[in-house]
Amino acid sequence: MAKGRKWVLVKHFEGLPERSDLNIQEFDIPDVKDGELLLEIVVLSVDPYMRGWSRKANPGDTMTGGVIGKVTESKDANFKVGEHVVARCGWVTHAVVAGKDAVRVPPLPEGVPLSLGIGTLGMPGLTAYFGLLEICDVKPVDTVYVNGAAGAVGSVVGQIAKLKGCKVIGSAGSDEKVDYLKNELGFDEAYNYKKVTPDKLKKELEKLAPKGIDVFFENVGGEASSVVYTHMNKHGRAAICGTISNYNSPGTTKPKVTEFVQHTIYNAIRIQGFVVFDYFDKSGPALKELTGWVKEGKIKYREHVHNGFESMYDAFMDLFSGKNIGKVVINV
C-alpha cells in the first residue's frame, strides 16, 4: 500500500510550540471510494488559528489546515485527474477527500502563483473581504484601523478599505513592514507597535486619526486594543478576527483588553467576532471580485515561502516571530 506522511501533535503546546511537540509519521493512503478524490498535496498553509485549534486537539491528531492538492485519482465525475483543488486535509503529503469537500482552484490571473488559492484568493482574502464589507459595512467616509496589517489578512483588509475610499491606518511589528504598508500597499498611515507601545498609542492615534476611528479590524488583541476602542467614534464597528498576541501565553499571563466596555456602551460601538467558514456559501462572488482586483493590480500581495514538507514547523513558528510579510505558504 502507498504511503503518505503527516505531522501529528505529540503533546499540547505550552507557550510557544516546540519541535518536540510535533512528529512526522508515515501512514497508509486509503483506497479511493466512489465520490472521492486522491490528492497529492502541492501547497500547504500555516495560519495563526492553528495554535488555538491545538488546545482542543488530542495527542496523535494530525495538525489541521488548508491545502492545495493535485487530483491524482478521481471517482467523482465533477473532477478530473490533474486538476488542482483546495481542501482541508491538514499537514499531510497525500489525502483522500470527498469530492463535495473539495473546491476547484479558480482560473488565476497570468503570473499569479497557485499558492494564492490559499492566500489572497483563499481563506485569508475571504476573511478580509467579509469581515470588512459585511460585518463592518465599511463606508467611504470611514477611517479604518487594522492591526497585524502586514499579515495575510490585514494586508488585504487595508487594500480593500482603500478601494472603498476609506482612510486606512495599520500597525505592524517592524519598520520594514511599515514601509511596505505605506509605500507598496497605499496605507495612509502606519506605525511600528514595538516602538509605539500601548502607553504611547493614545497620542499616536490623536495624530494619525484626529477625527477618530470608525472601523477596527482586530487581529491581535492585548492592551493596545483597549486604547483603540477609546479612540473609536460613535456607532463604530469592530470585527474580531483573531488575538494572536495571546495564543502562546499561559492563562494567567495572557495580554488583555482591559478597558473597553464603557466606551463601547457610550459610543454604541458594535463588536462582532466571526469565523470566515460561516460565509463560504457566499464565497463565489467574493472570490470573483478579489480575483479581478488582483488581475487589475489593485490588490498586491507578498508570500513568505518555505520549501519542503519538513519545513512545516519552521513556517509555523515564523507566524509568531513576525518574520513573515504576507501569507506563509509551504511548497511541498
Protein backbone atom coordinates (compact mmCIF):
# COMPACT_ATOMS: atom_id res chain seq x y z
CA MET A 1 0.00 0.00 0.00
CA ALA A 2 1.24 3.50 -0.87
CA LYS A 3 2.47 5.63 2.00
CA GLY A 4 1.97 9.29 2.89
CA ARG A 5 3.40 11.47 5.63
CA LYS A 6 1.70 13.64 8.20
CA TRP A 7 2.59 15.96 11.07
CA VAL A 8 0.88 14.91 14.30
CA LEU A 9 0.53 16.56 17.70
CA VAL A 10 2.64 14.67 20.24
CA LYS A 11 1.66 16.80 23.24
CA HIS A 12 -0.14 20.08 23.83
CA PHE A 13 1.90 23.20 23.36
CA GLU A 14 2.98 25.08 26.46
CA GLY A 15 3.79 28.61 25.40
CA LEU A 16 5.50 28.70 22.02
CA PRO A 17 5.30 25.36 20.19
CA GLU A 18 8.44 23.25 20.45
CA ARG A 19 9.68 20.97 17.67
CA SER A 20 9.37 18.05 20.09
CA ASP A 21 5.62 18.76 20.42
CA LEU A 22 5.17 17.53 16.84
CA ASN A 23 6.26 14.50 14.91
CA ILE A 24 6.27 13.36 11.27
CA GLN A 25 4.70 9.94 10.80
CA GLU A 26 4.03 7.68 7.84
CA PHE A 27 0.51 6.44 7.12
CA ASP A 28 -1.18 4.13 4.66
CA ILE A 29 -3.01 6.07 1.94
CA PRO A 30 -6.56 4.62 1.87
CA ASP A 31 -8.25 3.37 -1.26
CA VAL A 32 -10.41 5.85 -3.15
CA LYS A 33 -14.14 5.14 -2.93
CA ASP A 34 -17.00 6.39 -5.10
CA GLY A 35 -17.38 10.15 -4.77
CA GLU A 36 -13.81 10.61 -3.53
CA LEU A 37 -10.52 12.06 -4.79
CA LEU A 38 -6.90 11.19 -4.10
CA LEU A 39 -4.82 14.31 -3.72
CA GLU A 40 -1.09 14.81 -3.90
CA ILE A 41 -0.55 17.93 -1.82
CA VAL A 42 1.47 20.63 -3.57
CA VAL A 43 0.97 23.67 -1.30
CA LEU A 44 0.34 23.75 2.45
CA SER A 45 -0.78 26.62 4.65
CA VAL A 46 0.03 27.64 8.20
CA ASP A 47 -2.21 30.17 9.95
CA PRO A 48 -2.47 31.58 13.48
CA TYR A 49 -5.80 29.86 14.21
CA MET A 50 -3.97 26.52 14.23
CA ARG A 51 -2.46 27.44 17.58
CA GLY A 52 -5.93 27.84 19.09
CA TRP A 53 -7.14 24.65 17.40
CA SER A 54 -4.37 22.68 19.07
CA ARG A 55 -5.84 23.30 22.53
CA LYS A 56 -8.85 21.16 21.66
CA ALA A 57 -6.91 18.53 19.73
CA ASN A 58 -5.72 15.25 21.18
CA PRO A 59 -2.19 13.85 21.04
CA GLY A 60 -1.93 11.81 17.87
CA ASP A 61 -4.23 14.12 15.88
CA THR A 62 -2.99 15.38 12.53
CA MET A 63 -2.35 19.12 12.52
CA THR A 64 -5.19 20.96 10.83
CA GLY A 65 -5.02 23.26 7.83
CA GLY A 66 -5.92 24.09 4.28
CA VAL A 67 -4.05 22.72 1.27
CA ILE A 68 -3.91 22.83 -2.48
CA GLY A 69 -3.77 19.33 -3.89
CA LYS A 70 -3.40 17.84 -7.36
CA VAL A 71 -6.01 15.23 -8.20
CA THR A 72 -4.15 12.01 -8.98
CA GLU A 73 -7.19 9.70 -8.89
CA SER A 74 -10.86 10.62 -9.14
CA LYS A 75 -14.06 8.70 -8.53
CA ASP A 76 -16.12 11.88 -8.66
CA ALA A 77 -17.33 12.84 -12.13
CA ASN A 78 -17.02 16.55 -11.24
CA PHE A 79 -13.22 16.39 -11.02
CA LYS A 80 -10.57 15.26 -13.48
CA VAL A 81 -7.11 13.90 -12.83
CA GLY A 82 -4.59 16.74 -12.99
CA GLU A 83 -6.89 19.45 -11.64
CA HIS A 84 -5.95 21.40 -8.53
CA VAL A 85 -8.36 21.77 -5.63
CA VAL A 86 -8.47 23.44 -2.22
CA ALA A 87 -9.39 21.21 0.71
CA ARG A 88 -8.94 20.99 4.46
CA CYS A 89 -6.66 17.99 4.83
CA GLY A 90 -4.15 19.17 7.42
CA TRP A 91 -0.37 18.85 7.38
CA VAL A 92 -0.11 15.84 5.04
CA THR A 93 1.54 14.87 1.77
CA HIS A 94 -1.46 12.92 0.43
CA ALA A 95 -5.15 12.74 1.26
CA VAL A 96 -8.35 11.09 0.17
CA VAL A 97 -11.25 13.54 0.36
CA ALA A 98 -14.90 13.56 -0.63
CA GLY A 99 -15.43 15.48 -3.83
CA LYS A 100 -18.12 17.55 -2.10
CA ASP A 101 -15.47 18.80 0.33
CA ALA A 102 -13.06 19.97 -2.38
CA VAL A 103 -13.19 23.27 -4.25
CA ARG A 104 -11.55 23.60 -7.64
CA VAL A 105 -8.89 26.32 -7.73
CA PRO A 106 -10.43 29.02 -9.93
CA PRO A 107 -8.64 30.37 -13.01
CA LEU A 108 -5.89 32.64 -11.74
CA PRO A 109 -4.57 35.79 -13.40
CA GLU A 110 -1.47 35.28 -15.53
CA GLY A 111 1.71 35.20 -13.47
CA VAL A 112 -0.09 34.58 -10.18
CA PRO A 113 1.25 31.59 -8.19
CA LEU A 114 -1.04 28.64 -7.48
CA SER A 115 -0.48 29.22 -3.75
CA LEU A 116 -2.59 32.39 -3.91
CA GLY A 117 -5.57 29.99 -3.84
CA ILE A 118 -4.96 29.55 -0.09
CA GLY A 119 -3.89 33.16 0.41
CA THR A 120 -5.26 36.38 -1.02
CA LEU A 121 -7.64 34.38 -3.23
CA GLY A 122 -8.48 31.91 -0.48
CA MET A 123 -9.36 31.82 3.19
CA PRO A 124 -7.31 34.90 4.30
CA GLY A 125 -8.63 37.05 1.46
CA LEU A 126 -12.20 35.98 2.15
CA THR A 127 -11.69 36.74 5.86
CA ALA A 128 -10.68 40.29 5.00
CA TYR A 129 -13.50 40.65 2.47
CA PHE A 130 -16.39 39.52 4.66
CA GLY A 131 -15.06 41.00 7.87
CA LEU A 132 -14.70 44.44 6.35
CA LEU A 133 -17.60 44.59 3.89
CA GLU A 134 -20.29 42.54 5.65
CA ILE A 135 -19.56 42.74 9.37
CA CYS A 136 -18.19 46.28 9.44
CA ASP A 137 -20.27 47.54 6.50
CA VAL A 138 -17.47 49.92 5.59
CA LYS A 139 -18.34 53.31 4.04
CA PRO A 140 -16.17 55.72 2.01
CA VAL A 141 -16.21 58.25 4.85
CA ASP A 142 -14.79 55.76 7.37
CA THR A 143 -11.39 55.75 8.99
CA VAL A 144 -10.31 52.10 9.23
CA TYR A 145 -7.72 50.78 11.68
CA VAL A 146 -6.24 47.29 11.27
CA ASN A 147 -3.56 45.64 13.40
CA GLY A 148 -1.41 42.79 12.16
CA ALA A 149 -1.61 44.84 8.99
CA ALA A 150 1.30 43.25 7.12
CA GLY A 151 -0.08 39.73 7.54
CA ALA A 152 -2.12 37.60 5.17
CA VAL A 153 -5.46 39.04 6.33
CA GLY A 154 -4.52 42.54 7.45
CA SER A 155 -2.78 43.47 4.22
CA VAL A 156 -5.92 42.64 2.24
CA VAL A 157 -8.17 44.47 4.73
CA GLY A 158 -6.24 47.69 4.23
CA GLN A 159 -6.24 47.46 0.45
CA ILE A 160 -9.97 46.73 0.21
CA ALA A 161 -10.65 49.66 2.54
CA LYS A 162 -8.63 51.94 0.25
CA LEU A 163 -10.57 50.64 -2.77
CA LYS A 164 -13.76 51.64 -0.93
CA GLY A 165 -12.48 55.18 -0.38
CA CYS A 166 -11.53 54.94 3.30
CA LYS A 167 -8.64 56.40 5.24
CA VAL A 168 -6.56 53.43 6.43
CA ILE A 169 -4.24 53.13 9.42
CA GLY A 170 -2.23 50.00 10.13
CA SER A 171 0.11 48.71 12.79
CA ALA A 172 2.89 46.18 12.23
CA GLY A 173 5.98 44.89 14.01
CA SER A 174 8.92 46.38 12.11
CA ASP A 175 9.96 49.47 10.20
CA GLU A 176 10.28 47.30 7.07
CA LYS A 177 6.63 46.31 7.38
CA VAL A 178 5.55 49.91 8.00
CA ASP A 179 7.36 50.93 4.82
CA TYR A 180 5.63 48.09 2.94
CA LEU A 181 2.19 49.20 4.14
CA LYS A 182 2.65 52.84 3.23
CA ASN A 183 4.77 52.69 0.09
CA GLU A 184 3.61 49.47 -1.57
CA LEU A 185 0.06 48.88 -0.35
CA GLY A 186 -1.04 52.51 -0.12
CA PHE A 187 -1.99 52.74 3.58
CA ASP A 188 -2.45 56.37 4.60
CA GLU A 189 -0.70 55.87 7.93
CA ALA A 190 1.16 53.07 9.69
CA TYR A 191 3.35 52.65 12.76
CA ASN A 192 5.64 50.11 14.40
CA TYR A 193 3.86 48.83 17.50
CA LYS A 194 7.19 47.81 19.06
CA LYS A 195 8.09 51.49 19.17
CA VAL A 196 4.60 52.89 19.76
CA THR A 197 3.77 50.86 22.86
CA PRO A 198 0.28 50.97 24.45
CA ASP A 199 1.28 53.80 26.80
CA LYS A 200 2.23 55.93 23.77
CA LEU A 201 -0.59 54.87 21.49
CA LYS A 202 -3.19 57.44 22.56
CA LYS A 203 -1.03 60.34 21.37
CA GLU A 204 -0.11 58.47 18.18
CA LEU A 205 -3.76 57.88 17.30
CA GLU A 206 -4.62 61.50 18.02
CA LYS A 207 -2.01 62.41 15.42
CA LEU A 208 -2.83 59.72 12.84
CA ALA A 209 -6.62 59.73 13.23
CA PRO A 210 -7.58 63.19 14.56
CA LYS A 211 -11.23 62.57 13.64
CA GLY A 212 -11.34 59.19 15.37
CA ILE A 213 -11.68 55.61 14.14
CA ASP A 214 -14.88 54.24 12.63
CA VAL A 215 -13.87 50.65 11.86
CA PHE A 216 -11.49 48.42 13.83
CA PHE A 217 -10.36 45.13 12.26
CA GLU A 218 -8.90 43.17 15.16
CA ASN A 219 -6.25 40.53 14.53
CA VAL A 220 -4.02 40.89 17.61
CA GLY A 221 -5.72 41.65 20.95
CA GLY A 222 -3.84 42.89 24.01
CA GLU A 223 -3.70 46.22 25.79
CA ALA A 224 -3.12 48.25 22.63
CA SER A 225 -6.63 47.29 21.56
CA SER A 226 -8.01 48.94 24.71
CA VAL A 227 -6.53 52.22 23.50
CA VAL A 228 -8.01 51.78 20.03
CA TYR A 229 -11.52 51.33 21.48
CA THR A 230 -11.18 54.60 23.41
CA HIS A 231 -10.44 56.37 20.13
CA MET A 232 -13.45 54.98 18.24
CA ASN A 233 -16.29 57.18 17.08
CA LYS A 234 -19.97 56.94 17.85
CA HIS A 235 -21.53 53.91 16.10
CA GLY A 236 -18.11 52.46 15.32
CA ARG A 237 -17.84 48.83 14.23
CA ALA A 238 -15.26 46.24 15.20
CA ALA A 239 -14.70 42.85 13.55
CA ILE A 240 -12.86 40.43 15.85
CA CYS A 241 -10.88 38.10 13.63
CA GLY A 242 -8.04 36.95 15.91
CA THR A 243 -5.96 37.61 19.02
CA ILE A 244 -2.51 36.36 18.07
CA SER A 245 -0.85 38.25 20.94
CA ASN A 246 -2.17 35.73 23.45
CA TYR A 247 -2.17 32.45 21.52
CA ASN A 248 1.08 31.30 23.13
CA SER A 249 0.59 32.80 26.60
CA PRO A 250 -0.38 30.81 29.71
CA GLY A 251 -3.85 31.55 31.04
CA THR A 252 -2.64 33.72 33.91
CA THR A 253 -0.43 35.97 31.78
CA LYS A 254 -2.46 36.46 28.61
CA PRO A 255 -2.38 40.03 27.22
CA LYS A 256 -5.78 41.52 27.98
CA VAL A 257 -8.08 44.15 26.54
CA THR A 258 -8.89 45.73 29.90
CA GLU A 259 -10.89 48.92 29.37
CA PHE A 260 -13.33 48.99 26.52
CA VAL A 261 -16.80 48.18 27.85
CA GLN A 262 -17.62 51.71 29.00
CA HIS A 263 -16.54 53.22 25.68
CA THR A 264 -18.50 50.57 23.83
CA ILE A 265 -21.67 51.49 25.72
CA TYR A 266 -21.44 55.26 25.49
CA ASN A 267 -20.37 55.30 21.84
CA ALA A 268 -22.74 52.50 20.77
CA ILE A 269 -19.86 50.53 19.25
CA ARG A 270 -20.83 47.26 17.62
CA ILE A 271 -18.35 44.42 18.18
CA GLN A 272 -18.72 41.11 16.37
CA GLY A 273 -16.48 38.07 16.35
CA PHE A 274 -16.56 35.83 13.29
CA VAL A 275 -15.04 32.85 11.51
CA VAL A 276 -14.88 33.01 7.76
CA PHE A 277 -16.15 29.45 7.27
CA ASP A 278 -19.64 30.75 8.10
CA TYR A 279 -19.51 32.81 4.90
CA PHE A 280 -18.26 30.18 2.47
CA ASP A 281 -21.68 29.84 0.85
CA LYS A 282 -21.11 33.38 -0.45
CA SER A 283 -17.50 32.84 -1.49
CA GLY A 284 -18.12 32.58 -5.27
CA PRO A 285 -18.93 36.25 -5.95
CA ALA A 286 -16.37 37.38 -3.36
CA LEU A 287 -13.56 35.40 -4.99
CA LYS A 288 -14.57 36.73 -8.40
CA GLU A 289 -14.22 40.30 -7.14
CA LEU A 290 -10.95 39.60 -5.32
CA THR A 291 -9.53 37.92 -8.43
CA GLY A 292 -10.49 40.92 -10.52
CA TRP A 293 -8.73 43.28 -8.15
CA VAL A 294 -5.58 41.16 -8.23
CA LYS A 295 -5.67 40.98 -12.03
CA GLU A 296 -6.05 44.75 -12.26
CA GLY A 297 -3.18 45.32 -9.83
CA LYS A 298 -5.50 46.94 -7.29
CA ILE A 299 -4.64 44.35 -4.64
CA LYS A 300 -0.98 43.50 -4.22
CA TYR A 301 0.40 40.55 -2.29
CA ARG A 302 3.54 39.03 -0.89
CA GLU A 303 4.17 35.47 0.18
CA HIS A 304 6.58 34.13 2.79
CA VAL A 305 7.58 30.84 1.18
CA HIS A 306 9.09 27.70 2.71
CA ASN A 307 10.06 24.70 0.64
CA GLY A 308 9.70 21.06 1.64
CA PHE A 309 7.28 19.15 3.86
CA GLU A 310 9.88 19.02 6.62
CA SER A 311 9.80 22.83 6.93
CA MET A 312 6.23 22.96 8.30
CA TYR A 313 7.33 23.61 11.89
CA ASP A 314 9.70 26.42 10.90
CA ALA A 315 7.00 28.01 8.77
CA PHE A 316 4.52 27.77 11.65
CA MET A 317 6.94 29.47 14.03
CA ASP A 318 7.51 32.34 11.60
CA LEU A 319 3.90 33.37 12.26
CA PHE A 320 4.69 34.05 15.91
CA SER A 321 8.13 35.58 15.48
CA GLY A 322 6.80 38.09 12.95
CA LYS A 323 9.28 37.11 10.23
CA ASN A 324 6.60 36.95 7.57
CA ILE A 325 5.22 39.67 5.38
CA GLY A 326 2.01 38.39 3.83
CA LYS A 327 0.86 34.79 3.68
CA VAL A 328 3.06 31.93 4.88
CA VAL A 329 2.96 29.02 2.42
CA ILE A 330 4.88 25.78 2.07
CA ASN A 331 5.64 24.31 -1.33
CA VAL A 332 5.76 20.55 -0.83
